[in-house]
Amino acid sequence: MSVTFQRLLWQYQQKGISEMTKKAFWPVVVASVVLLFAVSCGGDDNSGEENDNTGAKMGDACNTSDECESGLCYFTGAQRFCSQTCAVDEDCSIQSPGACCKMIGNAGVCYTAALCSGGDVDSGTPGYCTPDEKRCAGLELQRCNADGTDYEFYRECEIACESGKCTGEETDGDSEETLCTADETRCKEGSNTAIEKCAADGMSWGDHIDCAETGQTCSNGACTGDILGDPCNVNEENSCADDNEYCLADYAGAADGHCAKFCDIQGVYCPIGWECPHGKCTPIDGFCRSNNDCEMDEYCNKPKVTDEQGNVVDAEGGLCARYCFENGESCAELYRCEDNNQDPNYGKCVLKDPTCSVCSNDTECGTGYYCNILSTQTTGCCTPSCTVDDDCQSGMRCNDEGHCVVGTGNGDCGGSCPKGHICIPEYNQCMLNCPQCPYNYTCDADSAPNCYQHACDNPYVCGLLMPPCCAGFECNALAWGIEGVCVQSK
């Protein structure tokens, strides 16, 4: 299975079908499938029948999709096995007795007989179920929680529940059953201030606003109680009588608001997700509370904070960031792009050394530590200070500043370094003299210490609503003239 198709399938599972549809997901999938079949059906005509049925059967253990006859190696979070897409249980049981069709988001995937009857993972344990997977419990439709540890109430079916779907109900055409009405709001469970909003496809709830930002509480899906000031209209000038107040929108993009003090007054702060550039609170561009607030090729990058109990947790909000495997993206120094699609950080920049506490100066490291930054970098890792040579690794010594260094710490790298490299005296080693380059720029031995624009990389798939091909290339549409691949212009 191509890397592009695997990533598209992964993004589909993360975002849901409605988000992917906005980005022309299905045309891309069709194009990818056409390409996959074109490759799988081609080859040596003399191969005969000896290559037939050599793939692993449905339910067999696997590591990659290439091993499976169906072309899909599925991972539940606890085990991997060959599977296939499905609509009803019969699509699966005809291939493997006892197998059933599990609904993952809006798509069906065949599960083995053992997993259909409960499997060997206890509830409360990750891998007990697949996030967003649905099942029936009488008329109750249940959905696996985000941690994959247990099922939760999803909705009550009116007539019957079969194969993880409500059946027998009147729907608009062939549409799936919905969880809520588009743009409907409700108070978030477990909070008396947070409000959730129903997605446009009616299939999920997402964070909307927090009434605490205006000093209110949530009741029946709306903020109630005393607010910052009198009601006003954001589009009307001088809609607040007090010269020290302006009209602050109730949420980003809203026309209705309430009068609030200018945020450059001492003691006045903006709500979370807003900034104060010119005395008025303005929504931060790209602010997010969850991945649902970001584009298909982005995720909500939340910084780590310490809660009241001293635990390190994700902040309430962050900024949308592109997945690092997207064309033109890269990670900062000390970081790498996680390329394991089974890892929860897939597509995100993670530390090369998970034990590294990133720093930019010694004061960030605390007593007994110093910030070990190489000469070619702007950040480093907090490292324990030394007092004697024995505190350092073999071949290193402790200098007067409490830093472990190589030899005398004044090496000259043999008198010279290769082109584009500089000598790091304390390590007596030559290193590439490159700064951190901006987006779409790179640096090598020939250009150091300068960055230059990186050569254009063609997208994996091109066409309608997709990135364009580089100069000298054109899109050779394969699927109904909509999607294709970049080929050199004639």
Protein backbone atom coordinates (compact mmCIF):
# COMPACT_ATOMS: atom_id res chain seq x y z
CA MET A 1 0.00 0.00 0.00
CA SER A 2 1.46 3.41 -0.94
CA VAL A 3 2.65 5.77 1.80
CA THR A 4 0.31 8.47 0.48
CA PHE A 5 -2.76 6.22 0.64
CA GLN A 6 -1.85 5.01 4.15
CA ARG A 7 -1.52 8.60 5.34
CA LEU A 8 -4.84 9.57 3.74
CA LEU A 9 -6.53 6.60 5.42
CA TRP A 10 -4.95 7.57 8.74
CA GLN A 11 -6.09 11.20 8.40
CA TYR A 12 -9.59 9.93 7.55
CA GLN A 13 -9.67 7.87 10.75
CA GLN A 14 -8.44 10.88 12.77
CA LYS A 15 -10.69 13.59 11.28
CA GLY A 16 -13.80 11.69 10.22
CA ILE A 17 -15.46 11.46 6.83
CA SER A 18 -17.12 14.90 6.86
CA GLU A 19 -13.78 16.70 7.27
CA MET A 20 -12.14 14.60 4.58
CA THR A 21 -15.03 15.14 2.20
CA LYS A 22 -14.39 18.89 2.42
CA LYS A 23 -10.90 18.25 1.17
CA ALA A 24 -11.93 16.01 -1.72
CA PHE A 25 -10.97 12.85 0.17
CA TRP A 26 -12.88 10.37 -1.96
CA PRO A 27 -11.46 11.53 -5.34
CA VAL A 28 -7.98 11.13 -3.84
CA VAL A 29 -8.82 7.68 -2.47
CA VAL A 30 -10.25 6.63 -5.84
CA ALA A 31 -7.10 7.83 -7.58
CA SER A 32 -4.90 6.04 -5.07
CA VAL A 33 -6.90 2.83 -5.38
CA VAL A 34 -6.73 3.03 -9.19
CA LEU A 35 -2.96 3.39 -8.95
CA LEU A 36 -2.70 0.53 -6.46
CA PHE A 37 -4.71 -1.84 -8.65
CA ALA A 38 -2.75 -0.74 -11.70
CA VAL A 39 0.43 -1.81 -9.92
CA SER A 40 -0.97 -4.98 -8.32
CA CYS A 41 -2.56 -6.19 -11.57
CA GLY A 42 0.56 -5.56 -13.64
CA GLY A 43 3.76 -7.59 -13.67
CA ASP A 44 5.15 -10.60 -15.44
CA ASP A 45 2.62 -12.40 -17.61
CA ASN A 46 4.63 -15.61 -17.13
CA SER A 47 4.13 -15.64 -13.37
CA GLY A 48 1.37 -18.23 -13.80
CA GLU A 49 -0.74 -19.37 -10.90
CA GLU A 50 2.07 -19.81 -8.42
CA ASN A 51 1.59 -16.24 -7.13
CA ASP A 52 -2.16 -16.62 -6.60
CA ASN A 53 -3.48 -16.69 -3.04
CA THR A 54 -0.03 -16.27 -1.51
CA GLY A 55 -1.13 -13.41 0.81
CA ALA A 56 -2.21 -13.92 4.41
CA LYS A 57 -5.93 -14.60 4.85
CA MET A 58 -8.37 -12.47 6.80
CA GLY A 59 -7.73 -12.83 10.53
CA ASP A 60 -4.10 -13.92 10.09
CA ALA A 61 -1.44 -11.96 11.99
CA CYS A 62 0.47 -9.36 9.94
CA ASN A 63 2.90 -6.49 10.23
CA THR A 64 2.25 -4.62 6.95
CA SER A 65 -0.66 -4.43 4.52
CA ASP A 66 1.52 -5.89 1.75
CA GLU A 67 1.42 -9.25 3.56
CA CYS A 68 -2.38 -9.48 3.37
CA GLU A 69 -4.38 -10.89 0.48
CA SER A 70 -6.93 -8.10 1.02
CA GLY A 71 -4.25 -5.38 1.11
CA LEU A 72 -5.25 -4.21 4.62
CA CYS A 73 -3.32 -4.99 7.83
CA TYR A 74 -5.49 -3.52 10.58
CA PHE A 75 -4.26 -2.45 14.05
CA THR A 76 -6.76 -2.32 16.95
CA GLY A 77 -4.32 -0.84 19.41
CA ALA A 78 -3.56 -4.29 20.85
CA GLN A 79 -3.03 -6.57 17.85
CA ARG A 80 -2.56 -6.53 14.05
CA PHE A 81 -4.38 -8.82 11.64
CA CYS A 82 -5.44 -8.96 7.98
CA SER A 83 -8.87 -7.41 7.45
CA GLN A 84 -11.08 -5.78 4.82
CA THR A 85 -13.72 -3.07 4.63
CA CYS A 86 -17.37 -4.08 5.13
CA ALA A 87 -20.94 -2.87 5.48
CA VAL A 88 -22.59 -5.78 7.34
CA ASP A 89 -21.41 -8.83 9.31
CA GLU A 90 -22.01 -11.13 6.33
CA ASP A 91 -19.27 -9.36 4.36
CA CYS A 92 -16.82 -10.66 6.96
CA SER A 93 -18.22 -14.03 8.07
CA ILE A 94 -18.24 -15.31 4.46
CA GLN A 95 -14.45 -14.87 4.50
CA SER A 96 -13.83 -16.05 8.07
CA PRO A 97 -16.49 -17.86 10.18
CA GLY A 98 -17.53 -15.81 13.20
CA ALA A 99 -15.98 -12.57 11.93
CA CYS A 100 -18.09 -9.42 12.23
CA CYS A 101 -18.23 -5.89 10.84
CA LYS A 102 -17.16 -3.17 13.30
CA MET A 103 -18.00 0.46 12.53
CA ILE A 104 -14.90 2.66 12.97
CA GLY A 105 -16.15 6.23 12.61
CA ASN A 106 -18.30 5.99 9.47
CA ALA A 107 -16.44 3.05 7.90
CA GLY A 108 -16.74 -0.69 8.54
CA VAL A 109 -13.76 -2.98 9.21
CA CYS A 110 -13.87 -6.78 9.62
CA TYR A 111 -12.91 -8.05 13.09
CA THR A 112 -11.86 -11.60 13.93
CA ALA A 113 -14.26 -14.01 15.64
CA ALA A 114 -12.24 -13.76 18.88
CA LEU A 115 -12.54 -9.96 18.98
CA CYS A 116 -16.22 -10.09 18.04
CA SER A 117 -16.91 -12.27 21.09
CA GLY A 118 -15.02 -10.00 23.45
CA GLY A 119 -11.34 -10.71 22.74
CA ASP A 120 -8.64 -11.13 25.36
CA VAL A 121 -8.34 -7.49 26.50
CA ASP A 122 -10.30 -6.38 29.57
CA SER A 123 -12.36 -3.18 29.58
CA GLY A 124 -10.44 -0.25 31.01
CA THR A 125 -7.32 -1.36 29.13
CA PRO A 126 -6.10 0.43 25.96
CA GLY A 127 -6.83 -1.79 22.96
CA TYR A 128 -10.12 -3.13 24.40
CA CYS A 129 -11.80 -1.37 21.48
CA THR A 130 -10.84 0.95 18.63
CA PRO A 131 -11.63 4.67 19.12
CA ASP A 132 -14.94 5.59 17.39
CA GLU A 133 -15.81 1.90 16.81
CA LYS A 134 -19.56 1.33 17.34
CA ARG A 135 -21.50 -1.67 18.69
CA CYS A 136 -25.07 -2.49 19.67
CA ALA A 137 -26.33 -3.23 23.18
CA GLY A 138 -30.03 -3.83 22.65
CA LEU A 139 -31.41 -0.60 21.22
CA GLU A 140 -28.48 1.36 22.61
CA LEU A 141 -25.77 2.29 20.10
CA GLN A 142 -22.40 2.55 21.86
CA ARG A 143 -19.12 4.07 20.68
CA CYS A 144 -15.57 3.32 21.81
CA ASN A 145 -14.01 6.24 23.68
CA ALA A 146 -10.93 8.15 22.52
CA ASP A 147 -8.62 6.08 24.76
CA GLY A 148 -9.85 2.74 23.35
CA THR A 149 -10.54 1.49 26.90
CA ASP A 150 -14.34 1.05 26.90
CA TYR A 151 -17.63 1.79 25.14
CA GLU A 152 -19.83 4.80 25.95
CA PHE A 153 -23.43 5.69 25.17
CA TYR A 154 -23.74 7.14 21.65
CA ARG A 155 -27.49 7.26 20.95
CA GLU A 156 -30.72 5.32 21.42
CA CYS A 157 -32.06 3.63 18.27
CA GLU A 158 -35.80 3.99 17.64
CA ILE A 159 -36.46 0.62 15.94
CA ALA A 160 -33.43 -1.69 15.90
CA CYS A 161 -29.63 -1.73 16.23
CA GLU A 162 -27.58 -4.06 14.02
CA SER A 163 -23.86 -4.26 13.22
CA GLY A 164 -23.09 -0.97 14.94
CA LYS A 165 -25.86 0.96 13.18
CA CYS A 166 -29.41 2.08 13.91
CA THR A 167 -31.64 0.36 11.32
CA GLY A 168 -35.22 0.69 10.16
CA GLU A 169 -35.38 4.45 10.78
CA GLU A 170 -36.38 7.03 8.21
CA THR A 171 -33.34 8.96 6.98
CA ASP A 172 -32.66 11.44 4.23
CA GLY A 173 -31.60 9.25 1.34
CA ASP A 174 -28.63 7.04 2.17
CA SER A 175 -27.23 9.28 4.89
CA GLU A 176 -25.80 7.79 8.09
CA GLU A 177 -27.60 8.15 11.41
CA THR A 178 -26.64 11.38 13.18
CA LEU A 179 -25.68 11.98 16.77
CA CYS A 180 -26.91 15.57 16.92
CA THR A 181 -28.25 18.44 14.82
CA ALA A 182 -25.65 20.53 12.98
CA ASP A 183 -24.58 23.62 15.00
CA GLU A 184 -26.61 22.46 18.02
CA THR A 185 -24.97 23.39 21.35
CA ARG A 186 -24.95 21.73 24.76
CA CYS A 187 -23.15 22.06 28.09
CA LYS A 188 -20.10 19.80 28.23
CA GLU A 189 -20.42 16.87 30.59
CA GLY A 190 -18.45 17.41 33.80
CA SER A 191 -18.17 21.19 33.33
CA ASN A 192 -20.54 24.01 34.30
CA THR A 193 -18.93 26.53 31.94
CA ALA A 194 -17.80 24.75 28.75
CA ILE A 195 -20.08 24.53 25.69
CA GLU A 196 -19.85 21.92 22.94
CA LYS A 197 -21.11 22.38 19.36
CA CYS A 198 -22.42 19.71 16.98
CA ALA A 199 -20.36 19.23 13.79
CA ALA A 200 -21.79 20.13 10.38
CA ASP A 201 -22.38 16.44 9.57
CA GLY A 202 -24.13 15.80 12.89
CA MET A 203 -21.72 12.96 13.70
CA SER A 204 -19.70 14.41 16.59
CA TRP A 205 -19.50 17.05 19.32
CA GLY A 206 -16.55 19.45 19.59
CA ASP A 207 -15.38 22.17 21.99
CA HIS A 208 -17.01 25.53 21.17
CA ILE A 209 -16.60 28.23 23.84
CA ASP A 210 -16.03 28.46 27.59
CA CYS A 211 -18.45 30.71 29.45
CA ALA A 212 -15.82 31.21 32.16
CA GLU A 213 -14.07 33.62 29.79
CA THR A 214 -16.91 36.09 30.34
CA GLY A 215 -17.56 35.14 33.97
CA GLN A 216 -20.67 33.10 33.16
CA THR A 217 -21.90 29.52 33.49
CA CYS A 218 -23.48 27.16 30.95
CA SER A 219 -27.18 26.36 31.01
CA ASN A 220 -29.07 24.55 28.24
CA GLY A 221 -26.19 25.02 25.81
CA ALA A 222 -25.83 28.76 26.33
CA CYS A 223 -23.88 31.13 28.60
CA THR A 224 -25.98 32.64 31.36
CA GLY A 225 -25.40 35.04 34.25
CA ASP A 226 -23.77 38.45 34.58
CA ILE A 227 -21.28 39.21 31.83
CA LEU A 228 -18.54 41.74 31.26
CA GLY A 229 -20.80 44.63 30.30
CA ASP A 230 -23.82 45.77 28.31
CA PRO A 231 -24.76 43.99 25.05
CA CYS A 232 -23.39 45.61 21.89
CA ASN A 233 -22.83 45.04 18.17
CA VAL A 234 -19.26 44.50 16.98
CA ASN A 235 -20.01 46.08 13.58
CA GLU A 236 -21.34 49.34 15.07
CA GLU A 237 -18.90 52.06 16.07
CA ASN A 238 -19.22 53.61 19.51
CA SER A 239 -21.76 51.00 20.58
CA CYS A 240 -20.41 51.23 24.15
CA ALA A 241 -21.17 54.39 26.15
CA ASP A 242 -18.01 54.25 28.31
CA ASP A 243 -14.96 55.73 26.54
CA ASN A 244 -12.78 53.09 28.24
CA GLU A 245 -14.78 50.22 26.72
CA TYR A 246 -15.22 48.64 23.29
CA CYS A 247 -17.46 45.88 21.91
CA LEU A 248 -15.84 42.46 22.49
CA ALA A 249 -17.37 39.67 20.37
CA ASP A 250 -18.92 36.85 22.40
CA TYR A 251 -16.79 34.43 20.35
CA ALA A 252 -14.56 34.60 17.27
CA GLY A 253 -16.58 35.76 14.25
CA ALA A 254 -19.70 36.72 16.22
CA ALA A 255 -21.48 40.03 15.52
CA ASP A 256 -23.00 40.15 18.99
CA GLY A 257 -20.79 41.06 21.91
CA HIS A 258 -20.55 42.80 25.25
CA CYS A 259 -18.76 45.94 26.31
CA ALA A 260 -15.35 45.29 27.84
CA LYS A 261 -12.44 47.38 29.10
CA PHE A 262 -9.58 47.97 26.66
CA CYS A 263 -7.06 45.18 27.20
CA ASP A 264 -4.04 47.51 27.43
CA ILE A 265 -5.38 48.78 30.78
CA GLN A 266 -3.46 47.29 33.71
CA GLY A 267 -5.25 44.28 35.20
CA VAL A 268 -7.39 43.62 32.09
CA TYR A 269 -6.79 40.37 30.20
CA CYS A 270 -8.11 38.77 27.01
CA PRO A 271 -10.00 35.44 26.98
CA ILE A 272 -8.05 32.30 26.05
CA GLY A 273 -7.46 32.19 22.29
CA TRP A 274 -7.39 35.98 22.01
CA GLU A 275 -4.50 38.48 22.00
CA CYS A 276 -4.18 42.22 22.67
CA PRO A 277 -2.29 43.83 19.75
CA HIS A 278 -3.82 47.34 19.80
CA GLY A 279 -5.82 47.65 23.00
CA LYS A 280 -8.64 45.38 21.80
CA CYS A 281 -8.83 41.62 22.20
CA THR A 282 -8.47 39.94 18.79
CA PRO A 283 -8.81 36.20 17.98
CA ILE A 284 -5.39 34.53 17.63
CA ASP A 285 -4.96 33.28 14.06
CA GLY A 286 -4.87 29.48 14.06
CA PHE A 287 -5.93 29.06 17.71
CA CYS A 288 -7.50 25.68 18.42
CA ARG A 289 -8.94 23.62 21.27
CA SER A 290 -8.92 20.32 19.37
CA ASN A 291 -7.91 18.84 16.00
CA ASN A 292 -11.45 19.52 14.75
CA ASP A 293 -10.65 23.26 14.73
CA CYS A 294 -7.80 22.71 12.24
CA GLU A 295 -7.55 21.86 8.55
CA MET A 296 -7.27 18.25 7.34
CA ASP A 297 -3.48 18.41 7.06
CA GLU A 298 -3.09 20.04 10.49
CA TYR A 299 -3.37 19.11 14.16
CA CYS A 300 -3.88 21.18 17.32
CA ASN A 301 -0.39 21.66 18.77
CA LYS A 302 -0.90 22.28 22.48
CA PRO A 303 2.02 23.24 24.74
CA LYS A 304 2.66 21.31 27.94
CA VAL A 305 1.69 22.99 31.21
CA THR A 306 1.69 22.00 34.89
CA ASP A 307 -1.73 21.70 36.56
CA GLU A 308 -2.60 22.48 40.19
CA GLN A 309 -1.62 18.94 41.23
CA GLY A 310 1.82 19.31 39.65
CA ASN A 311 1.05 17.03 36.70
CA VAL A 312 2.36 17.90 33.23
CA VAL A 313 -0.68 18.08 30.91
CA ASP A 314 -1.71 19.60 27.57
CA ALA A 315 -2.78 23.23 27.71
CA GLU A 316 -6.44 24.03 27.10
CA GLY A 317 -5.64 25.55 23.73
CA GLY A 318 -2.87 25.69 21.15
CA LEU A 319 -2.13 26.60 17.53
CA CYS A 320 -2.90 24.60 14.39
CA ALA A 321 0.30 23.15 12.90
CA ARG A 322 0.83 21.14 9.72
CA TYR A 323 1.83 17.49 10.10
CA CYS A 324 5.59 17.30 9.64
CA PHE A 325 5.30 14.67 6.88
CA GLU A 326 3.46 17.17 4.67
CA ASN A 327 5.40 18.47 1.65
CA GLY A 328 7.81 21.26 2.64
CA GLU A 329 7.54 20.73 6.42
CA SER A 330 10.46 19.99 8.71
CA CYS A 331 11.24 19.80 12.43
CA ALA A 332 13.37 22.15 14.52
CA GLU A 333 16.77 21.20 15.89
CA LEU A 334 16.71 18.45 18.53
CA TYR A 335 13.45 17.15 17.04
CA ARG A 336 12.50 14.53 14.44
CA CYS A 337 9.27 13.74 12.58
CA GLU A 338 7.52 10.69 14.04
CA ASP A 339 6.91 8.35 11.08
CA ASN A 340 5.34 5.39 12.91
CA ASN A 341 1.62 5.55 12.05
CA GLN A 342 0.78 3.48 15.14
CA ASP A 343 2.33 6.09 17.45
CA PRO A 344 -0.07 8.69 18.96
CA ASN A 345 2.44 11.39 17.90
CA TYR A 346 2.46 10.25 14.24
CA GLY A 347 3.09 13.23 11.97
CA LYS A 348 4.29 15.44 14.84
CA CYS A 349 7.77 16.65 15.73
CA VAL A 350 9.12 14.78 18.77
CA LEU A 351 12.42 14.99 20.63
CA LYS A 352 15.23 12.88 19.23
CA ASP A 353 16.22 12.22 22.84
CA PRO A 354 13.03 11.76 24.91
CA THR A 355 15.02 12.42 28.12
CA CYS A 356 16.16 15.86 26.91
CA SER A 357 14.78 18.87 28.78
CA VAL A 358 15.03 21.55 26.09
CA CYS A 359 16.61 24.85 27.14
CA SER A 360 18.04 28.03 25.65
CA ASN A 361 20.10 29.23 28.67
CA ASP A 362 21.39 27.96 32.02
CA THR A 363 18.70 29.71 34.09
CA GLU A 364 16.01 27.48 32.54
CA CYS A 365 17.67 24.35 33.91
CA GLY A 366 17.69 25.04 37.64
CA THR A 367 20.29 24.45 40.32
CA GLY A 368 22.86 21.75 39.55
CA TYR A 369 22.31 21.81 35.78
CA TYR A 370 23.53 23.81 32.81
CA CYS A 371 22.19 24.22 29.26
CA ASN A 372 24.44 22.22 26.94
CA ILE A 373 24.13 24.01 23.57
CA LEU A 374 26.37 23.17 20.62
CA SER A 375 27.88 26.14 18.78
CA THR A 376 25.75 25.55 15.69
CA GLN A 377 22.47 25.39 17.64
CA THR A 378 20.25 27.85 19.51
CA THR A 379 18.79 25.31 21.96
CA GLY A 380 20.18 22.38 23.89
CA CYS A 381 19.46 19.94 26.73
CA CYS A 382 19.74 20.52 30.47
CA THR A 383 22.79 18.55 31.65
CA PRO A 384 23.94 17.84 35.25
CA SER A 385 26.82 20.08 36.29
CA CYS A 386 30.09 18.41 37.29
CA THR A 387 32.54 19.09 40.10
CA VAL A 388 35.32 16.61 39.31
CA ASP A 389 36.47 14.75 36.18
CA ASP A 390 34.95 11.50 37.49
CA ASP A 391 31.49 13.08 37.08
CA CYS A 392 32.04 13.11 33.31
CA GLN A 393 32.02 10.33 30.74
CA SER A 394 35.24 8.59 29.78
CA GLY A 395 37.58 10.84 27.81
CA MET A 396 36.00 14.07 29.09
CA ARG A 397 36.96 16.44 31.89
CA CYS A 398 35.15 18.92 34.14
CA ASN A 399 36.09 22.53 33.40
CA ASP A 400 35.92 25.51 35.75
CA GLU A 401 32.30 26.25 34.78
CA GLY A 402 31.12 22.78 35.80
CA HIS A 403 30.72 21.60 32.19
CA CYS A 404 31.98 18.26 30.88
CA VAL A 405 34.25 18.91 27.87
CA VAL A 406 36.55 16.85 25.65
CA GLY A 407 40.25 16.94 26.63
CA THR A 408 41.40 20.46 27.37
CA GLY A 409 38.33 21.97 25.79
CA ASN A 410 40.54 23.93 23.39
CA GLY A 411 40.87 21.53 20.45
CA ASP A 412 41.61 22.87 16.95
CA CYS A 413 40.10 19.90 15.00
CA GLY A 414 43.46 19.05 13.51
CA GLY A 415 43.97 22.58 12.19
CA SER A 416 41.19 22.63 9.59
CA CYS A 417 37.61 21.55 8.82
CA PRO A 418 35.87 20.56 5.53
CA LYS A 419 34.06 23.17 3.47
CA GLY A 420 30.98 24.56 5.21
CA HIS A 421 32.05 23.20 8.63
CA ILE A 422 33.46 24.90 11.73
CA CYS A 423 35.49 23.57 14.65
CA ILE A 424 33.78 23.06 18.03
CA PRO A 425 36.74 23.44 20.42
CA GLU A 426 35.20 21.79 23.50
CA TYR A 427 34.45 18.65 21.48
CA ASN A 428 37.41 18.97 19.10
CA GLN A 429 35.05 18.09 16.21
CA CYS A 430 34.00 19.71 12.93
CA MET A 431 30.27 20.41 12.50
CA LEU A 432 28.18 21.80 9.65
CA ASN A 433 27.91 25.56 10.05
CA CYS A 434 24.19 25.92 9.24
CA PRO A 435 21.50 28.00 10.98
CA GLN A 436 17.88 26.88 11.36
CA CYS A 437 16.40 27.65 7.93
CA PRO A 438 12.91 29.09 7.30
CA TYR A 439 10.09 27.20 5.57
CA ASN A 440 11.01 25.73 2.14
CA TYR A 441 14.70 26.63 2.60
CA THR A 442 17.66 24.38 3.39
CA CYS A 443 21.39 24.57 4.06
CA ASP A 444 24.27 22.28 3.07
CA ALA A 445 28.06 22.26 2.98
CA ASP A 446 28.09 24.28 -0.26
CA SER A 447 25.80 27.05 1.01
CA ALA A 448 26.82 27.23 4.70
CA PRO A 449 26.38 29.44 6.60
CA ASN A 450 23.53 30.57 4.32
CA CYS A 451 20.13 29.01 3.57
CA TYR A 452 18.83 28.66 0.05
CA GLN A 453 15.42 27.87 -1.42
CA HIS A 454 14.81 24.13 -1.56
CA ALA A 455 14.09 22.49 -4.91
CA CYS A 456 10.39 22.09 -5.60
CA ASP A 457 8.96 18.67 -4.63
CA ASN A 458 5.99 17.43 -6.65
CA PRO A 459 2.94 16.36 -4.59
CA TYR A 460 2.16 12.63 -4.42
CA VAL A 461 -1.27 13.26 -5.95
CA CYS A 462 -2.35 16.27 -8.03
CA GLY A 463 -5.55 17.61 -9.52
CA LEU A 464 -8.77 19.18 -8.25
CA LEU A 465 -8.27 20.95 -4.88
CA MET A 466 -4.74 19.48 -4.62
CA PRO A 467 -1.29 21.19 -4.60
CA PRO A 468 -0.02 22.09 -8.11
CA CYS A 469 2.89 20.39 -9.88
CA CYS A 470 6.34 21.98 -10.01
CA ALA A 471 7.52 24.00 -13.00
CA GLY A 472 8.24 21.73 -15.96
CA PHE A 473 5.65 19.18 -14.84
CA GLU A 474 1.95 18.75 -15.52
CA CYS A 475 -0.84 16.77 -13.85
CA ASN A 476 -1.69 13.59 -15.75
CA ALA A 477 -5.25 13.00 -14.50
CA LEU A 478 -6.10 9.31 -14.18
CA ALA A 479 -9.38 9.13 -12.27
CA TRP A 480 -12.15 10.63 -14.40
CA GLY A 481 -9.88 13.55 -15.24
CA ILE A 482 -9.98 14.77 -11.61
CA GLU A 483 -6.91 13.30 -9.87
CA GLY A 484 -3.56 12.07 -11.13
CA VAL A 485 0.20 12.29 -10.74
CA CYS A 486 2.77 14.86 -11.86
CA VAL A 487 4.63 13.93 -15.06
CA GLN A 488 7.30 15.84 -16.96
CA SER A 489 5.82 18.23 -19.51
CA LYS A 490 6.26 17.30 -23.15
